[in-house]
Amino acid sequence: MSATIRLRVDRFELMTRIVGAATPTSRAALIGVDRKTIGRAMDGTVGEVFMVKTITALRRHTEALSACGLTPSLDELFEVVGDGDLAEVAA
């Protein structure tokens, strides 16, 4: 069985909304990626660069996020899923 890393979309949307990025365009600007990259990530395709840029960008807003009980971390924003779980993402 192989595994992949998936964005926790609900946490990502919540954290980015708290820091003022509520649209794909503003999220892309916050993180420093192309708008299409946001779409791919929300659909289940993430790479190491996206992960690092996301954590780095959100850590710049640690004070606002921690006031809401949130911590921008790999565990909070990403999860490892197996092949069987990926079928659920596609559905």
C-alpha atoms as a PDB file:
ATOM      1  CA  MET A   1       0.000   0.000   0.000  1.00  0.00           C
ATOM      2  CA  SER A   2       1.314   3.435  -0.864  1.00  0.00           C
ATOM      3  CA  ALA A   3       0.552   6.641   0.947  1.00  0.00           C
ATOM      4  CA  THR A   4       0.335  10.295   0.052  1.00  0.00           C
ATOM      5  CA  ILE A   5      -0.039  13.549   1.898  1.00  0.00           C
ATOM      6  CA  ARG A   6      -3.315  15.437   1.744  1.00  0.00           C
ATOM      7  CA  LEU A   7      -4.222  18.948   2.816  1.00  0.00           C
ATOM      8  CA  ARG A   8      -6.744  19.176   5.647  1.00  0.00           C
ATOM      9  CA  VAL A   9      -8.975  21.532   3.696  1.00  0.00           C
ATOM     10  CA  ASP A  10     -11.205  22.504   6.617  1.00  0.00           C
ATOM     11  CA  ARG A  11      -8.226  23.560   8.766  1.00  0.00           C
ATOM     12  CA  PHE A  12      -6.551  25.311   5.826  1.00  0.00           C
ATOM     13  CA  GLU A  13      -9.706  27.307   5.026  1.00  0.00           C
ATOM     14  CA  LEU A  14     -10.213  28.209   8.680  1.00  0.00           C
ATOM     15  CA  MET A  15      -6.640  29.355   9.264  1.00  0.00           C
ATOM     16  CA  THR A  16      -6.380  31.332   6.045  1.00  0.00           C
ATOM     17  CA  ARG A  17      -9.759  32.979   6.671  1.00  0.00           C
ATOM     18  CA  ILE A  18      -8.632  34.060  10.151  1.00  0.00           C
ATOM     19  CA  VAL A  19      -5.571  35.782   8.686  1.00  0.00           C
ATOM     20  CA  GLY A  20      -7.653  37.548   6.026  1.00  0.00           C
ATOM     21  CA  ALA A  21      -7.261  35.247   3.033  1.00  0.00           C
ATOM     22  CA  ALA A  22     -10.712  33.905   2.202  1.00  0.00           C
ATOM     23  CA  THR A  23     -10.443  33.402  -1.580  1.00  0.00           C
ATOM     24  CA  PRO A  24      -8.183  31.178  -3.686  1.00  0.00           C
ATOM     25  CA  THR A  25      -6.471  34.286  -5.051  1.00  0.00           C
ATOM     26  CA  SER A  26      -5.787  35.779  -1.621  1.00  0.00           C
ATOM     27  CA  ARG A  27      -4.653  32.389  -0.294  1.00  0.00           C
ATOM     28  CA  ALA A  28      -2.217  32.060  -3.199  1.00  0.00           C
ATOM     29  CA  ALA A  29      -0.847  35.543  -2.479  1.00  0.00           C
ATOM     30  CA  LEU A  30      -0.499  34.752   1.232  1.00  0.00           C
ATOM     31  CA  ILE A  31       1.429  31.552   0.591  1.00  0.00           C
ATOM     32  CA  GLY A  32       3.338  32.734  -2.467  1.00  0.00           C
ATOM     33  CA  VAL A  33       2.077  30.188  -4.973  1.00  0.00           C
ATOM     34  CA  ASP A  34      -0.014  30.250  -8.138  1.00  0.00           C
ATOM     35  CA  ARG A  35      -3.796  30.240  -7.747  1.00  0.00           C
ATOM     36  CA  LYS A  36      -3.939  26.901  -9.584  1.00  0.00           C
ATOM     37  CA  THR A  37      -1.700  25.403  -6.909  1.00  0.00           C
ATOM     38  CA  ILE A  38      -4.346  26.226  -4.305  1.00  0.00           C
ATOM     39  CA  GLY A  39      -6.937  24.382  -6.384  1.00  0.00           C
ATOM     40  CA  ARG A  40      -4.724  21.327  -6.784  1.00  0.00           C
ATOM     41  CA  ALA A  41      -3.972  21.283  -3.059  1.00  0.00           C
ATOM     42  CA  MET A  42      -7.655  21.511  -2.189  1.00  0.00           C
ATOM     43  CA  ASP A  43      -8.257  18.594  -4.591  1.00  0.00           C
ATOM     44  CA  GLY A  44      -5.676  16.437  -2.811  1.00  0.00           C
ATOM     45  CA  THR A  45      -2.367  17.100  -4.585  1.00  0.00           C
ATOM     46  CA  VAL A  46       0.321  18.709  -2.434  1.00  0.00           C
ATOM     47  CA  GLY A  47       4.079  18.777  -2.639  1.00  0.00           C
ATOM     48  CA  GLU A  48       6.839  19.611  -0.217  1.00  0.00           C
ATOM     49  CA  VAL A  49       7.227  23.196  -1.461  1.00  0.00           C
ATOM     50  CA  PHE A  50       3.526  23.918  -0.933  1.00  0.00           C
ATOM     51  CA  MET A  51       3.700  22.437   2.544  1.00  0.00           C
ATOM     52  CA  VAL A  52       6.726  24.500   3.563  1.00  0.00           C
ATOM     53  CA  LYS A  53       5.343  27.723   2.084  1.00  0.00           C
ATOM     54  CA  THR A  54       1.977  27.190   3.774  1.00  0.00           C
ATOM     55  CA  ILE A  55       3.452  26.587   7.220  1.00  0.00           C
ATOM     56  CA  THR A  56       5.891  29.493   6.835  1.00  0.00           C
ATOM     57  CA  ALA A  57       3.187  31.925   5.721  1.00  0.00           C
ATOM     58  CA  LEU A  58       0.780  30.962   8.486  1.00  0.00           C
ATOM     59  CA  ARG A  59       3.456  31.108  11.173  1.00  0.00           C
ATOM     60  CA  ARG A  60       3.793  34.808  10.374  1.00  0.00           C
ATOM     61  CA  HIS A  61       0.304  35.061  11.873  1.00  0.00           C
ATOM     62  CA  THR A  62       0.882  32.907  14.945  1.00  0.00           C
ATOM     63  CA  GLU A  63      -0.582  35.497  17.312  1.00  0.00           C
ATOM     64  CA  ALA A  64      -3.940  35.712  15.495  1.00  0.00           C
ATOM     65  CA  LEU A  65      -4.147  31.953  15.053  1.00  0.00           C
ATOM     66  CA  SER A  66      -3.175  31.095  18.622  1.00  0.00           C
ATOM     67  CA  ALA A  67      -5.857  33.499  19.865  1.00  0.00           C
ATOM     68  CA  CYS A  68      -8.290  31.099  18.177  1.00  0.00           C
ATOM     69  CA  GLY A  69      -6.575  28.024  19.608  1.00  0.00           C
ATOM     70  CA  LEU A  70      -4.866  27.103  16.334  1.00  0.00           C
ATOM     71  CA  THR A  71      -1.238  26.305  15.628  1.00  0.00           C
ATOM     72  CA  PRO A  72       0.074  26.226  12.056  1.00  0.00           C
ATOM     73  CA  SER A  73       1.925  22.904  11.918  1.00  0.00           C
ATOM     74  CA  LEU A  74       2.326  19.950   9.591  1.00  0.00           C
ATOM     75  CA  ASP A  75       0.090  17.818  11.826  1.00  0.00           C
ATOM     76  CA  GLU A  76      -2.665  20.430  11.859  1.00  0.00           C
ATOM     77  CA  LEU A  77      -2.699  21.133   8.130  1.00  0.00           C
ATOM     78  CA  PHE A  78      -1.715  17.853   6.463  1.00  0.00           C
ATOM     79  CA  GLU A  79      -2.444  14.175   6.854  1.00  0.00           C
ATOM     80  CA  VAL A  80      -1.020  10.970   5.452  1.00  0.00           C
ATOM     81  CA  VAL A  81      -3.589   8.852   3.635  1.00  0.00           C
ATOM     82  CA  GLY A  82      -3.429   5.407   2.090  1.00  0.00           C
ATOM     83  CA  ASP A  83      -4.723   4.330  -1.329  1.00  0.00           C
ATOM     84  CA  GLY A  84      -8.152   3.421   0.059  1.00  0.00           C
ATOM     85  CA  ASP A  85      -8.553   6.880   1.578  1.00  0.00           C
ATOM     86  CA  LEU A  86      -7.668   8.554  -1.740  1.00  0.00           C
ATOM     87  CA  ALA A  87     -10.778   7.093  -3.357  1.00  0.00           C
ATOM     88  CA  GLU A  88     -12.826   9.129  -0.887  1.00  0.00           C
ATOM     89  CA  VAL A  89     -11.022  12.324  -1.955  1.00  0.00           C
ATOM     90  CA  ALA A  90     -11.880  11.704  -5.604  1.00  0.00           C
ATOM     91  CA  ALA A  91     -15.553  11.050  -4.824  1.00  0.00           C
END
